[in-house]
Each structure stands twice: as C-alpha cells, then as structure tokens.
C-alpha cells in the first residue's frame, strides 16, 4: 500500500498496526477508533524511520533480548485483567493462541518496538545533563525530523 524509504508497507501490516494502536488506546481509556491515515502517518512512518536508523546505527535487539522483552510484556498483560481480556479477544479474532502470537506472529513487531526504545535512549544520551523535559522535547524533535525526511510513496487509495 506504500513504501517508506523504499521499504514496503503491506495492507496486513497496516491492519496489524491499527489493531495495536487501538489496543493501546483502549488501555489508555480512549475508545474512539483511529483512522488508517493517522495510524500510517503518525505511527508507521516515524516508527519505520526509527527502525531504519536503529538497523543502520544500532543498537539492534538480539533474539534473546526480544524474547526477554516479550516475556516482560506477557507478565504485564497478566497483571492487567482488562488488558488480558482485550488481548485474548483480539487473538480469538485472529484465530491464534497467545503462544503463537507472542512467539511467531508478533515477534518481529516486539523486536522493532524494542529497537525503537533503544534508539530513543541512544538519542536521549546525546543530551545528557539537560533537564528531563528538554531531553524529551529534543528526542521528539529528532524523531519528527526523521519522519519529515522519510521518503513516503503511497500506492494504495486507502492512504490518499
């Protein structure tokens, strides 16, 4: 449906991101659905730009780090009854088990999420000594700059 810096974004990937964004929104008490353009331009484009930089400059999570991150996320889901039920409902809709989701279906998604977190930390470290609020602003400005510099080619009318 689109290319970001030459990397294809599929309709399935957009659907997955939309479900994850809406899942996160529901956990935060936001019930309104998020339209696909917002998911694409406000979530996928900056994420893909950060992922590309993390692959290029490092650090990139190992399989073991990703498995540990997934284990932590699974523990967090177990502590939140509402989140646990929403996840199970989502997985039932996909027709997959929790194990399949975490170990196969979403493994790369969680690796990329971990990579983005590490990349944010790497950028924040460049501003060591500044007040925390300023560091957050500078990191967000850096990510916004990556998003603006990304070469986005939309090829599906869904995003136009």
Protein backbone atom coordinates (compact mmCIF):
# COMPACT_ATOMS: atom_id res chain seq x y z
CA UNK A 1 0.00 0.00 0.00
CA UNK A 2 3.02 2.26 0.48
CA UNK A 3 6.80 2.48 0.64
CA UNK A 4 8.77 4.24 3.35
CA UNK A 5 12.40 4.83 2.40
CA UNK A 6 11.98 2.05 -0.16
CA UNK A 7 10.61 -0.48 2.33
CA UNK A 8 7.16 -1.85 1.52
CA UNK A 9 4.28 -1.44 3.94
CA UNK A 10 1.57 -4.05 3.33
CA UNK A 11 -2.13 -3.81 3.98
CA UNK A 12 -1.70 -6.58 6.57
CA UNK A 13 0.98 -4.57 8.35
CA UNK A 14 -1.27 -1.50 8.38
CA UNK A 15 -4.09 -3.60 9.84
CA UNK A 16 -1.77 -5.01 12.50
CA UNK A 17 -0.54 -1.52 13.45
CA UNK A 18 -4.10 -0.21 13.58
CA UNK A 19 -5.11 -3.00 15.94
CA UNK A 20 -2.06 -2.37 18.14
CA UNK A 21 -2.69 1.40 18.24
CA UNK A 22 -6.36 0.89 19.09
CA UNK A 23 -5.44 -1.75 21.69
CA UNK A 24 -3.03 0.73 23.30
CA UNK A 25 -5.65 3.47 23.12
CA UNK A 26 -8.24 1.28 24.85
CA UNK A 27 -5.75 0.56 27.62
CA UNK A 28 -5.37 4.32 27.97
CA UNK A 29 -9.13 4.84 28.12
CA UNK A 30 -9.55 6.10 24.54
CA UNK A 31 -12.47 4.32 22.89
CA UNK A 32 -12.64 6.08 19.52
CA UNK A 33 -11.22 4.14 16.57
CA UNK A 34 -8.11 5.51 14.92
CA UNK A 35 -8.36 6.07 11.17
CA UNK A 36 -5.84 4.35 8.88
CA UNK A 37 -4.24 7.59 7.69
CA UNK A 38 -3.46 8.61 11.27
CA UNK A 39 -2.02 5.17 12.02
CA UNK A 40 0.10 5.34 8.88
CA UNK A 41 1.42 8.90 9.12
CA UNK A 42 1.64 9.28 12.91
CA UNK A 43 2.74 5.78 13.88
CA UNK A 44 4.09 3.73 10.99
CA UNK A 45 6.14 6.43 9.20
CA UNK A 46 8.07 7.61 12.28
CA UNK A 47 8.44 4.04 13.53
CA UNK A 48 9.84 2.82 10.22
CA UNK A 49 12.22 5.79 10.14
CA UNK A 50 13.47 4.98 13.66
CA UNK A 51 13.74 1.27 12.86
CA UNK A 52 15.84 2.05 9.78
CA UNK A 53 18.18 4.21 11.88
CA UNK A 54 18.41 1.54 14.59
CA UNK A 55 19.34 -1.03 11.94
CA UNK A 56 21.89 1.36 10.43
CA UNK A 57 23.42 2.85 13.58
CA UNK A 58 22.47 0.34 16.27
CA UNK A 59 21.65 -0.88 18.72
CA UNK A 60 19.58 -3.71 17.23
CA UNK A 61 18.00 -6.18 19.69
CA UNK A 62 19.15 -9.80 19.67
CA UNK A 63 16.70 -12.69 19.58
CA UNK A 64 17.36 -13.26 23.28
CA UNK A 65 16.69 -9.62 24.19
CA UNK A 66 13.48 -9.78 22.16
CA UNK A 67 12.33 -12.97 23.92
CA UNK A 68 13.06 -11.31 27.30
CA UNK A 69 11.10 -8.22 26.25
CA UNK A 70 8.18 -10.39 25.15
CA UNK A 71 8.28 -12.25 28.49
CA UNK A 72 8.09 -8.91 30.30
CA UNK A 73 5.17 -7.75 28.15
CA UNK A 74 3.35 -11.04 28.80
CA UNK A 75 3.82 -10.58 32.56
CA UNK A 76 2.44 -7.05 32.34
CA UNK A 77 -0.63 -8.34 30.47
CA UNK A 78 -1.19 -10.92 33.20
CA UNK A 79 -1.32 -8.16 35.82
CA UNK A 80 -4.00 -6.18 34.00
CA UNK A 81 -7.28 -8.08 33.78
CA UNK A 82 -8.80 -5.72 31.20
CA UNK A 83 -5.69 -5.83 29.00
CA UNK A 84 -5.55 -9.61 29.29
CA UNK A 85 -9.18 -9.94 28.20
CA UNK A 86 -8.75 -7.49 25.32
CA UNK A 87 -5.67 -9.35 24.12
CA UNK A 88 -7.47 -12.69 24.28
CA UNK A 89 -10.42 -11.26 22.39
CA UNK A 90 -8.07 -9.85 19.74
CA UNK A 91 -6.27 -13.19 19.42
CA UNK A 92 -9.55 -15.10 19.17
CA UNK A 93 -10.46 -12.84 16.25
CA UNK A 94 -7.16 -13.75 14.59
CA UNK A 95 -7.68 -17.43 15.36
CA UNK A 96 -4.30 -17.83 17.06
CA UNK A 97 -3.15 -18.75 20.55
CA UNK A 98 -1.35 -16.43 22.93
CA UNK A 99 1.80 -18.52 22.45
CA UNK A 100 1.58 -18.26 18.64
CA UNK A 101 1.02 -14.52 18.91
CA UNK A 102 3.99 -13.78 21.14
CA UNK A 103 6.43 -16.32 19.69
CA UNK A 104 5.62 -16.14 15.98
CA UNK A 105 3.04 -13.60 14.82
CA UNK A 106 4.30 -10.55 16.69
CA UNK A 107 7.94 -11.48 17.40
CA UNK A 108 9.31 -9.02 14.82
CA UNK A 109 6.89 -6.30 15.96
CA UNK A 110 8.21 -6.59 19.52
CA UNK A 111 11.81 -6.65 18.26
CA UNK A 112 11.14 -3.44 16.37
CA UNK A 113 9.41 -1.86 19.38
CA UNK A 114 12.44 -2.74 21.50
CA UNK A 115 14.76 -1.32 18.81
CA UNK A 116 12.80 1.94 18.80
CA UNK A 117 13.09 2.19 22.57
CA UNK A 118 16.84 1.59 22.40
CA UNK A 119 17.18 4.13 19.61
CA UNK A 120 15.26 6.73 21.67
CA UNK A 121 17.62 6.04 24.60
CA UNK A 122 20.64 6.45 22.32
CA UNK A 123 19.35 9.83 21.13
CA UNK A 124 18.48 10.89 24.70
CA UNK A 125 22.03 10.03 25.81
CA UNK A 126 23.30 12.72 23.42
CA UNK A 127 21.53 15.30 25.57
CA UNK A 128 22.88 14.09 28.90
CA UNK A 129 22.92 16.81 31.52
CA UNK A 130 19.91 18.68 30.18
CA UNK A 131 16.65 18.80 32.17
CA UNK A 132 14.43 15.74 31.56
CA UNK A 133 11.66 17.79 29.91
CA UNK A 134 14.17 19.30 27.50
CA UNK A 135 15.57 15.85 26.67
CA UNK A 136 12.09 14.57 25.85
CA UNK A 137 11.43 17.58 23.62
CA UNK A 138 14.76 17.16 21.81
CA UNK A 139 14.23 13.42 21.27
CA UNK A 140 10.72 14.03 19.90
CA UNK A 141 12.08 16.77 17.62
CA UNK A 142 14.71 14.34 16.33
CA UNK A 143 12.05 11.72 15.60
CA UNK A 144 9.82 14.30 13.93
CA UNK A 145 12.79 15.26 11.75
CA UNK A 146 13.29 11.60 10.76
CA UNK A 147 9.59 11.40 9.89
CA UNK A 148 9.77 14.55 7.76
CA UNK A 149 12.87 13.29 5.94
CA UNK A 150 11.35 9.87 5.21
CA UNK A 151 10.61 9.20 1.57
CA UNK A 152 6.98 8.12 1.58
CA UNK A 153 5.35 6.76 -1.56
CA UNK A 154 1.67 5.89 -1.23
CA UNK A 155 0.45 3.43 -3.86
CA UNK A 156 -2.98 2.48 -2.49
CA UNK A 157 -6.04 4.78 -2.45
CA UNK A 158 -6.71 3.81 1.17
CA UNK A 159 -3.98 6.26 2.26
CA UNK A 160 -4.57 9.04 -0.27
